[in-house]
Amino acid sequence: MSNSTQQAFFLGRALATAVGEQLEKAVTEGLSAFGRFDAEQRESLRQFTETVFERAQAQADATASDPSSEASPGGTTEDLQATIDTLRAEIAQVRVAVQQYRSSLDA
């Protein structure tokens, strides 16, 4: 074999080895970053879940100690009906105001 052929062979072999090492490094770093991201997201989700449960427990405790501070699920039907009637009246007022506004634009 000639010297230039031998040099080309070893140059190609060295190039392939170097490219393989760079690719291995890039894949390893990518998987490492993905692993860190996954761990951070899991921790964030765990903390979020914990916070939600703590708030729910605090609200349940507050409701248990002072039932008048929160709307109780067993509220009276009259209170609920009064709230519904108030909301209906407010909706009717808004509708009238919108109709008057539209009429003033047409005139």
N, C-alpha and C. Protein backbone atom coordinates (compact mmCIF):
# COMPACT_ATOMS: atom_id res chain seq x y z
N MET A 1 0.84 -1.19 0.00
CA MET A 1 0.00 0.00 0.00
C MET A 1 0.87 1.24 0.00
N SER A 2 0.36 2.19 -0.68
CA SER A 2 1.14 3.43 -0.74
C SER A 2 0.92 4.25 0.51
N ASN A 3 1.80 5.15 0.74
CA ASN A 3 1.77 6.00 1.93
C ASN A 3 0.53 6.88 1.95
N SER A 4 0.11 7.45 0.83
CA SER A 4 -1.06 8.33 0.79
C SER A 4 -2.35 7.55 1.04
N THR A 5 -2.42 6.32 0.58
CA THR A 5 -3.60 5.49 0.83
C THR A 5 -3.69 5.15 2.30
N GLN A 6 -2.56 4.85 2.87
CA GLN A 6 -2.52 4.52 4.28
C GLN A 6 -2.91 5.75 5.12
N GLN A 7 -2.44 6.92 4.75
CA GLN A 7 -2.78 8.15 5.46
C GLN A 7 -4.29 8.43 5.34
N ALA A 8 -4.85 8.23 4.15
CA ALA A 8 -6.29 8.45 3.95
C ALA A 8 -7.09 7.51 4.82
N PHE A 9 -6.67 6.25 4.93
CA PHE A 9 -7.37 5.29 5.76
C PHE A 9 -7.37 5.74 7.22
N PHE A 10 -6.19 6.09 7.74
CA PHE A 10 -6.10 6.48 9.14
C PHE A 10 -6.80 7.81 9.40
N LEU A 11 -6.78 8.70 8.42
CA LEU A 11 -7.50 9.97 8.55
C LEU A 11 -9.01 9.71 8.63
N GLY A 12 -9.52 8.86 7.77
CA GLY A 12 -10.95 8.51 7.79
C GLY A 12 -11.35 7.84 9.08
N ARG A 13 -10.48 6.95 9.54
CA ARG A 13 -10.75 6.24 10.79
C ARG A 13 -10.77 7.22 11.97
N ALA A 14 -9.82 8.14 12.02
CA ALA A 14 -9.77 9.13 13.09
C ALA A 14 -10.98 10.05 13.04
N LEU A 15 -11.37 10.43 11.82
CA LEU A 15 -12.55 11.28 11.65
C LEU A 15 -13.80 10.57 12.15
N ALA A 16 -13.98 9.33 11.79
CA ALA A 16 -15.14 8.56 12.22
C ALA A 16 -15.18 8.42 13.74
N THR A 17 -14.03 8.18 14.34
CA THR A 17 -13.95 8.07 15.79
C THR A 17 -14.30 9.40 16.47
N ALA A 18 -13.76 10.50 15.94
CA ALA A 18 -14.03 11.81 16.53
C ALA A 18 -15.51 12.19 16.39
N VAL A 19 -16.08 11.91 15.22
CA VAL A 19 -17.50 12.21 15.02
C VAL A 19 -18.35 11.36 15.96
N GLY A 20 -17.99 10.10 16.13
CA GLY A 20 -18.71 9.22 17.05
C GLY A 20 -18.65 9.72 18.48
N GLU A 21 -17.49 10.20 18.90
CA GLU A 21 -17.34 10.74 20.26
C GLU A 21 -18.18 11.98 20.44
N GLN A 22 -18.17 12.87 19.44
CA GLN A 22 -18.97 14.10 19.53
C GLN A 22 -20.46 13.77 19.58
N LEU A 23 -20.87 12.82 18.78
CA LEU A 23 -22.27 12.41 18.78
C LEU A 23 -22.66 11.80 20.12
N GLU A 24 -21.80 10.97 20.66
CA GLU A 24 -22.05 10.36 21.97
C GLU A 24 -22.16 11.44 23.04
N LYS A 25 -21.27 12.42 22.99
CA LYS A 25 -21.30 13.52 23.96
C LYS A 25 -22.60 14.31 23.84
N ALA A 26 -23.02 14.61 22.61
CA ALA A 26 -24.25 15.39 22.39
C ALA A 26 -25.47 14.61 22.89
N VAL A 27 -25.53 13.33 22.59
CA VAL A 27 -26.67 12.51 23.04
C VAL A 27 -26.69 12.42 24.56
N THR A 28 -25.53 12.22 25.16
CA THR A 28 -25.44 12.12 26.61
C THR A 28 -25.90 13.42 27.27
N GLU A 29 -25.45 14.56 26.74
CA GLU A 29 -25.85 15.85 27.31
C GLU A 29 -27.35 16.09 27.11
N GLY A 30 -27.86 15.70 25.95
CA GLY A 30 -29.30 15.86 25.69
C GLY A 30 -30.14 15.03 26.65
N LEU A 31 -29.75 13.78 26.84
CA LEU A 31 -30.49 12.92 27.77
C LEU A 31 -30.37 13.42 29.20
N SER A 32 -29.20 13.95 29.54
CA SER A 32 -29.01 14.50 30.88
C SER A 32 -29.91 15.71 31.10
N ALA A 33 -29.96 16.59 30.10
CA ALA A 33 -30.83 17.77 30.21
C ALA A 33 -32.29 17.36 30.30
N PHE A 34 -32.68 16.37 29.51
CA PHE A 34 -34.05 15.88 29.57
C PHE A 34 -34.36 15.29 30.94
N GLY A 35 -33.42 14.56 31.50
CA GLY A 35 -33.60 13.99 32.83
C GLY A 35 -33.77 15.06 33.90
N ARG A 36 -32.94 16.11 33.81
CA ARG A 36 -33.07 17.22 34.76
C ARG A 36 -34.43 17.90 34.60
N PHE A 37 -34.82 18.16 33.35
CA PHE A 37 -36.11 18.79 33.08
C PHE A 37 -37.25 17.94 33.64
N ASP A 38 -37.21 16.65 33.40
CA ASP A 38 -38.25 15.75 33.89
C ASP A 38 -38.31 15.77 35.42
N ALA A 39 -37.15 15.73 36.06
CA ALA A 39 -37.11 15.75 37.52
C ALA A 39 -37.66 17.07 38.06
N GLU A 40 -37.30 18.18 37.42
CA GLU A 40 -37.80 19.48 37.85
C GLU A 40 -39.31 19.58 37.68
N GLN A 41 -39.83 19.07 36.58
CA GLN A 41 -41.27 19.10 36.34
C GLN A 41 -42.01 18.23 37.35
N ARG A 42 -41.46 17.07 37.66
CA ARG A 42 -42.09 16.20 38.65
C ARG A 42 -42.11 16.87 40.03
N GLU A 43 -41.01 17.52 40.38
CA GLU A 43 -40.94 18.21 41.67
C GLU A 43 -41.93 19.38 41.69
N SER A 44 -42.00 20.11 40.59
CA SER A 44 -42.94 21.23 40.49
C SER A 44 -44.37 20.73 40.63
N LEU A 45 -44.70 19.64 39.96
CA LEU A 45 -46.04 19.08 40.06
C LEU A 45 -46.33 18.60 41.46
N ARG A 46 -45.33 17.99 42.11
CA ARG A 46 -45.52 17.53 43.49
C ARG A 46 -45.80 18.69 44.43
N GLN A 47 -45.03 19.79 44.26
CA GLN A 47 -45.23 20.96 45.10
C GLN A 47 -46.60 21.60 44.84
N PHE A 48 -46.99 21.66 43.57
CA PHE A 48 -48.28 22.23 43.22
C PHE A 48 -49.41 21.41 43.86
N THR A 49 -49.31 20.09 43.74
CA THR A 49 -50.32 19.21 44.32
C THR A 49 -50.39 19.39 45.82
N GLU A 50 -49.23 19.48 46.44
CA GLU A 50 -49.16 19.67 47.89
C GLU A 50 -49.82 20.99 48.29
N THR A 51 -49.55 22.05 47.55
CA THR A 51 -50.14 23.36 47.83
C THR A 51 -51.66 23.31 47.71
N VAL A 52 -52.14 22.65 46.66
CA VAL A 52 -53.59 22.55 46.46
C VAL A 52 -54.23 21.80 47.62
N PHE A 53 -53.62 20.68 48.03
CA PHE A 53 -54.18 19.93 49.15
C PHE A 53 -54.14 20.74 50.45
N GLU A 54 -53.07 21.50 50.67
CA GLU A 54 -52.98 22.33 51.87
C GLU A 54 -54.08 23.39 51.87
N ARG A 55 -54.31 24.04 50.72
CA ARG A 55 -55.37 25.05 50.64
C ARG A 55 -56.75 24.44 50.86
N ALA A 56 -56.96 23.28 50.27
CA ALA A 56 -58.25 22.61 50.44
C ALA A 56 -58.46 22.25 51.90
N GLN A 57 -57.41 21.76 52.55
CA GLN A 57 -57.53 21.40 53.96
C GLN A 57 -57.77 22.64 54.82
N ALA A 58 -57.07 23.74 54.50
CA ALA A 58 -57.27 24.98 55.26
C ALA A 58 -58.69 25.50 55.11
N GLN A 59 -59.23 25.43 53.88
CA GLN A 59 -60.60 25.88 53.66
C GLN A 59 -61.59 24.96 54.37
N ALA A 60 -61.32 23.67 54.35
CA ALA A 60 -62.21 22.73 55.04
C ALA A 60 -62.17 22.97 56.54
N ASP A 61 -60.99 23.24 57.08
CA ASP A 61 -60.87 23.53 58.51
C ASP A 61 -61.58 24.83 58.87
N ALA A 62 -61.43 25.85 58.01
CA ALA A 62 -62.08 27.14 58.26
C ALA A 62 -63.59 26.98 58.22
N THR A 63 -64.08 26.21 57.29
CA THR A 63 -65.52 25.99 57.17
C THR A 63 -66.04 25.20 58.36
N ALA A 64 -65.27 24.24 58.80
CA ALA A 64 -65.69 23.43 59.94
C ALA A 64 -65.74 24.26 61.22
N SER A 65 -64.80 25.19 61.37
CA SER A 65 -64.76 25.99 62.59
C SER A 65 -65.74 27.16 62.55
N ASP A 66 -66.04 27.69 61.34
CA ASP A 66 -66.95 28.83 61.20
C ASP A 66 -67.82 28.62 59.96
N PRO A 67 -68.91 27.88 60.10
CA PRO A 67 -69.71 27.55 58.93
C PRO A 67 -70.31 28.76 58.24
N SER A 68 -70.44 29.89 58.91
CA SER A 68 -71.04 31.07 58.26
C SER A 68 -70.05 31.78 57.34
N SER A 69 -68.74 31.45 57.44
CA SER A 69 -67.75 32.14 56.62
C SER A 69 -67.72 31.66 55.18
N GLU A 70 -68.17 30.46 54.93
CA GLU A 70 -68.19 29.90 53.58
C GLU A 70 -69.61 29.49 53.25
N ALA A 71 -69.91 29.44 51.95
CA ALA A 71 -71.22 28.96 51.54
C ALA A 71 -71.27 27.46 51.81
N SER A 72 -72.20 27.06 52.62
CA SER A 72 -72.29 25.64 52.95
C SER A 72 -73.11 24.91 51.90
N PRO A 73 -72.74 23.66 51.60
CA PRO A 73 -73.46 22.92 50.59
C PRO A 73 -74.92 22.68 50.97
N GLY A 74 -75.20 22.66 52.25
CA GLY A 74 -76.57 22.44 52.70
C GLY A 74 -77.30 23.74 52.96
N GLY A 75 -77.01 24.78 52.18
CA GLY A 75 -77.65 26.09 52.36
C GLY A 75 -79.14 26.00 52.11
N THR A 76 -79.86 27.01 52.61
CA THR A 76 -81.32 26.97 52.47
C THR A 76 -81.72 27.25 51.04
N THR A 77 -82.85 26.71 50.67
CA THR A 77 -83.38 26.89 49.32
C THR A 77 -83.79 28.34 49.11
N GLU A 78 -84.27 28.99 50.16
CA GLU A 78 -84.69 30.39 50.04
C GLU A 78 -83.50 31.29 49.71
N ASP A 79 -82.35 31.06 50.35
CA ASP A 79 -81.16 31.85 50.07
C ASP A 79 -80.73 31.66 48.62
N LEU A 80 -80.74 30.43 48.17
CA LEU A 80 -80.36 30.13 46.79
C LEU A 80 -81.33 30.78 45.82
N GLN A 81 -82.62 30.69 46.10
CA GLN A 81 -83.61 31.29 45.22
C GLN A 81 -83.47 32.80 45.20
N ALA A 82 -83.17 33.41 46.33
CA ALA A 82 -82.99 34.86 46.38
C ALA A 82 -81.78 35.28 45.54
N THR A 83 -80.72 34.50 45.61
CA THR A 83 -79.53 34.78 44.81
C THR A 83 -79.85 34.67 43.33
N ILE A 84 -80.58 33.63 42.95
CA ILE A 84 -80.96 33.45 41.55
C ILE A 84 -81.83 34.60 41.07
N ASP A 85 -82.78 35.01 41.89
CA ASP A 85 -83.66 36.13 41.52
C ASP A 85 -82.87 37.43 41.35
N THR A 86 -81.90 37.65 42.24
CA THR A 86 -81.06 38.85 42.14
C THR A 86 -80.25 38.83 40.85
N LEU A 87 -79.68 37.70 40.53
CA LEU A 87 -78.89 37.59 39.30
C LEU A 87 -79.77 37.79 38.07
N ARG A 88 -80.96 37.24 38.06
CA ARG A 88 -81.88 37.44 36.93
C ARG A 88 -82.23 38.91 36.76
N ALA A 89 -82.46 39.60 37.86
CA ALA A 89 -82.80 41.03 37.80
C ALA A 89 -81.61 41.82 37.23
N GLU A 90 -80.40 41.49 37.66
CA GLU A 90 -79.22 42.18 37.15
C GLU A 90 -79.03 41.93 35.66
N ILE A 91 -79.27 40.70 35.23
CA ILE A 91 -79.16 40.36 33.80
C ILE A 91 -80.17 41.16 33.00
N ALA A 92 -81.39 41.28 33.52
CA ALA A 92 -82.42 42.05 32.82
C ALA A 92 -82.00 43.52 32.70
N GLN A 93 -81.41 44.07 33.75
CA GLN A 93 -80.96 45.46 33.72
C GLN A 93 -79.86 45.65 32.68
N VAL A 94 -78.96 44.72 32.60
CA VAL A 94 -77.87 44.81 31.62
C VAL A 94 -78.43 44.72 30.21
N ARG A 95 -79.40 43.85 29.99
CA ARG A 95 -80.02 43.74 28.67
C ARG A 95 -80.68 45.05 28.25
N VAL A 96 -81.38 45.67 29.18
CA VAL A 96 -82.03 46.95 28.88
C VAL A 96 -80.98 48.00 28.54
N ALA A 97 -79.90 48.03 29.31
CA ALA A 97 -78.85 49.01 29.05
C ALA A 97 -78.21 48.77 27.68
N VAL A 98 -77.99 47.52 27.31
CA VAL A 98 -77.40 47.21 26.00
C VAL A 98 -78.36 47.62 24.89
N GLN A 99 -79.66 47.35 25.06
CA GLN A 99 -80.63 47.75 24.04
C GLN A 99 -80.69 49.26 23.89
N GLN A 100 -80.63 49.99 24.99
CA GLN A 100 -80.63 51.45 24.91
C GLN A 100 -79.37 51.95 24.21
N TYR A 101 -78.25 51.34 24.49
CA TYR A 101 -77.00 51.75 23.86
C TYR A 101 -77.07 51.50 22.36
N ARG A 102 -77.56 50.34 21.97
CA ARG A 102 -77.69 50.02 20.54
C ARG A 102 -78.65 50.99 19.86
N SER A 103 -79.73 51.35 20.55
CA SER A 103 -80.68 52.28 19.97
C SER A 103 -80.06 53.65 19.77
N SER A 104 -79.22 54.05 20.72
CA SER A 104 -78.59 55.37 20.59
C SER A 104 -77.57 55.39 19.43
N LEU A 105 -76.98 54.24 19.11
CA LEU A 105 -76.06 54.17 17.99
C LEU A 105 -76.80 54.23 16.66
N ASP A 106 -77.98 53.65 16.59
CA ASP A 106 -78.76 53.66 15.36
C ASP A 106 -79.35 55.04 15.07
N ALA A 107 -79.64 55.81 16.10
CA ALA A 107 -80.30 57.10 15.92
C ALA A 107 -79.39 58.18 15.41
